[in-house]
């Protein structure tokens, strides 16, 4: 799991600051303060953070195009996963996982946009998000981006 040892803790600390324990869930002022912090969220590889994933809590980043899953795109994403020593797992969305089952990223195909959810502690997150974006964009064959 050395790939997940974070060298730049700024994203991880930022995400941790957005999450709270049960003792803070009724504190509206603290909620407003956390919400305000999201408006100046860090970027990864130049991609703006949108927020946190609902169930996984990973930060979400917006790619500048919409994705529609095709076999060609899935195969391109599988190559990205392999290049980073991972594999894909398919649920509602493809998830990139390390051999030890640690989930590093998920790619969501929303109607008008594509979101990539990234584990903040992954050392190669900037390289990975660019590889995902490049792989999906290169398979757009005639689709406007």
Protein backbone atom coordinates (compact mmCIF):
# COMPACT_ATOMS: atom_id res chain seq x y z
CA UNK A 1 0.00 0.00 0.00
CA UNK A 2 3.02 2.29 -0.41
CA UNK A 3 1.28 3.90 -3.40
CA UNK A 4 -1.20 5.35 -0.93
CA UNK A 5 1.36 6.93 1.37
CA UNK A 6 0.66 10.59 0.80
CA UNK A 7 3.64 12.88 0.22
CA UNK A 8 1.53 16.03 -0.27
CA UNK A 9 -1.01 16.04 2.55
CA UNK A 10 -2.82 19.21 1.49
CA UNK A 11 -5.70 17.40 -0.27
CA UNK A 12 -6.01 14.78 2.46
CA UNK A 13 -6.07 17.40 5.21
CA UNK A 14 -8.58 19.45 3.25
CA UNK A 15 -10.92 16.46 2.83
CA UNK A 16 -10.51 15.48 6.49
CA UNK A 17 -11.51 19.01 7.46
CA UNK A 18 -14.80 18.63 5.60
CA UNK A 19 -15.83 15.51 7.51
CA UNK A 20 -17.16 15.62 11.06
CA UNK A 21 -17.98 13.30 13.90
CA UNK A 22 -21.42 12.75 15.41
CA UNK A 23 -20.77 15.51 17.94
CA UNK A 24 -20.73 18.17 15.17
CA UNK A 25 -23.65 17.12 12.96
CA UNK A 26 -26.04 19.62 14.59
CA UNK A 27 -23.59 22.56 14.58
CA UNK A 28 -24.89 24.83 11.80
CA UNK A 29 -22.10 27.41 12.17
CA UNK A 30 -19.46 24.71 11.77
CA UNK A 31 -21.33 23.41 8.72
CA UNK A 32 -21.34 26.87 7.15
CA UNK A 33 -17.61 27.25 7.83
CA UNK A 34 -16.86 23.85 6.25
CA UNK A 35 -19.07 24.68 3.28
CA UNK A 36 -17.29 27.99 2.74
CA UNK A 37 -13.97 26.13 2.64
CA UNK A 38 -15.23 24.04 -0.31
CA UNK A 39 -15.38 27.17 -2.46
CA UNK A 40 -11.58 27.39 -2.41
CA UNK A 41 -10.90 23.67 -2.75
CA UNK A 42 -7.52 22.47 -4.06
CA UNK A 43 -7.08 21.29 -7.62
CA UNK A 44 -5.43 18.06 -8.77
CA UNK A 45 -3.58 18.23 -12.05
CA UNK A 46 -5.45 21.45 -12.82
CA UNK A 47 -8.87 19.81 -12.38
CA UNK A 48 -11.17 21.63 -9.94
CA UNK A 49 -12.56 19.68 -7.02
CA UNK A 50 -16.38 19.58 -7.10
CA UNK A 51 -17.07 18.17 -3.66
CA UNK A 52 -17.06 14.79 -1.94
CA UNK A 53 -18.62 11.55 -3.11
CA UNK A 54 -21.79 10.64 -1.27
CA UNK A 55 -20.92 7.19 0.00
CA UNK A 56 -17.18 7.00 -0.51
CA UNK A 57 -16.28 10.52 0.67
CA UNK A 58 -13.53 10.87 -1.92
CA UNK A 59 -13.06 14.29 -3.52
CA UNK A 60 -14.71 14.59 -6.93
CA UNK A 61 -13.14 16.32 -9.92
CA UNK A 62 -14.87 17.46 -13.09
CA UNK A 63 -13.42 16.43 -16.45
CA UNK A 64 -14.11 18.93 -19.25
CA UNK A 65 -16.34 16.55 -21.25
CA UNK A 66 -19.17 14.06 -20.83
CA UNK A 67 -18.45 10.35 -21.08
CA UNK A 68 -20.77 7.69 -22.46
CA UNK A 69 -19.47 4.23 -21.70
CA UNK A 70 -18.61 2.11 -24.71
CA UNK A 71 -16.50 -1.01 -24.93
CA UNK A 72 -13.71 1.10 -26.44
CA UNK A 73 -13.72 3.50 -23.48
CA UNK A 74 -13.80 0.70 -20.93
CA UNK A 75 -10.83 -0.95 -22.64
CA UNK A 76 -8.95 2.37 -22.65
CA UNK A 77 -9.64 2.77 -18.92
CA UNK A 78 -8.47 -0.81 -18.30
CA UNK A 79 -5.15 0.09 -19.94
CA UNK A 80 -4.83 3.10 -17.64
CA UNK A 81 -5.52 0.88 -14.64
CA UNK A 82 -2.92 -1.67 -15.78
CA UNK A 83 -0.35 1.09 -16.33
CA UNK A 84 -0.81 2.14 -12.71
CA UNK A 85 -0.69 -1.42 -11.33
CA UNK A 86 -4.44 -1.57 -10.80
CA UNK A 87 -7.48 -3.33 -12.15
CA UNK A 88 -11.03 -2.20 -12.87
CA UNK A 89 -14.04 -3.36 -10.93
CA UNK A 90 -17.46 -2.71 -12.43
CA UNK A 91 -20.41 -1.74 -10.27
CA UNK A 92 -22.60 1.21 -11.11
CA UNK A 93 -19.35 2.86 -12.24
CA UNK A 94 -15.84 1.59 -12.94
CA UNK A 95 -13.54 1.67 -9.93
CA UNK A 96 -9.75 1.50 -10.16
CA UNK A 97 -8.35 -0.71 -7.41
CA UNK A 98 -4.89 -1.75 -6.27
CA UNK A 99 -4.14 -5.47 -5.89
CA UNK A 100 -4.83 -5.18 -2.13
CA UNK A 101 -8.42 -4.02 -2.95
CA UNK A 102 -7.74 -0.37 -2.03
CA UNK A 103 -10.02 1.76 -4.17
CA UNK A 104 -8.05 4.63 -5.70
CA UNK A 105 -10.52 6.16 -8.16
CA UNK A 106 -13.98 5.89 -9.63
CA UNK A 107 -15.22 7.41 -12.89
CA UNK A 108 -18.86 8.54 -13.02
CA UNK A 109 -20.64 9.21 -16.29
CA UNK A 110 -23.19 11.85 -15.37
CA UNK A 111 -25.55 13.02 -18.09
CA UNK A 112 -23.68 16.22 -18.97
CA UNK A 113 -20.30 15.70 -17.34
CA UNK A 114 -17.72 13.21 -16.12
CA UNK A 115 -16.58 13.05 -12.49
CA UNK A 116 -13.45 11.35 -11.22
CA UNK A 117 -13.37 10.51 -7.51
CA UNK A 118 -9.81 10.17 -6.20
CA UNK A 119 -8.31 8.86 -2.98
CA UNK A 120 -6.52 11.92 -1.55
CA UNK A 121 -3.59 9.90 -0.21
CA UNK A 122 -2.66 8.32 -3.55
CA UNK A 123 0.80 9.60 -4.51
CA UNK A 124 0.23 9.57 -8.27
CA UNK A 125 -3.19 11.23 -8.28
CA UNK A 126 -2.25 14.04 -10.71
CA UNK A 127 -0.70 11.61 -13.16
CA UNK A 128 -3.69 9.26 -12.80
CA UNK A 129 -6.39 11.88 -13.38
CA UNK A 130 -4.61 13.08 -16.53
CA UNK A 131 -4.24 9.51 -17.78
CA UNK A 132 -7.96 8.89 -17.21
CA UNK A 133 -8.91 12.14 -18.94
CA UNK A 134 -6.59 11.48 -21.89
CA UNK A 135 -7.81 7.88 -22.31
CA UNK A 136 -11.49 8.83 -22.28
CA UNK A 137 -11.00 11.90 -24.46
CA UNK A 138 -8.98 9.97 -27.04
CA UNK A 139 -11.90 7.57 -27.54
CA UNK A 140 -14.42 10.34 -28.25
CA UNK A 141 -14.40 9.66 -32.04
CA UNK A 142 -16.66 12.36 -33.36
CA UNK A 143 -18.39 13.13 -30.06
CA UNK A 144 -18.16 16.80 -29.06
CA UNK A 145 -16.12 17.35 -25.89
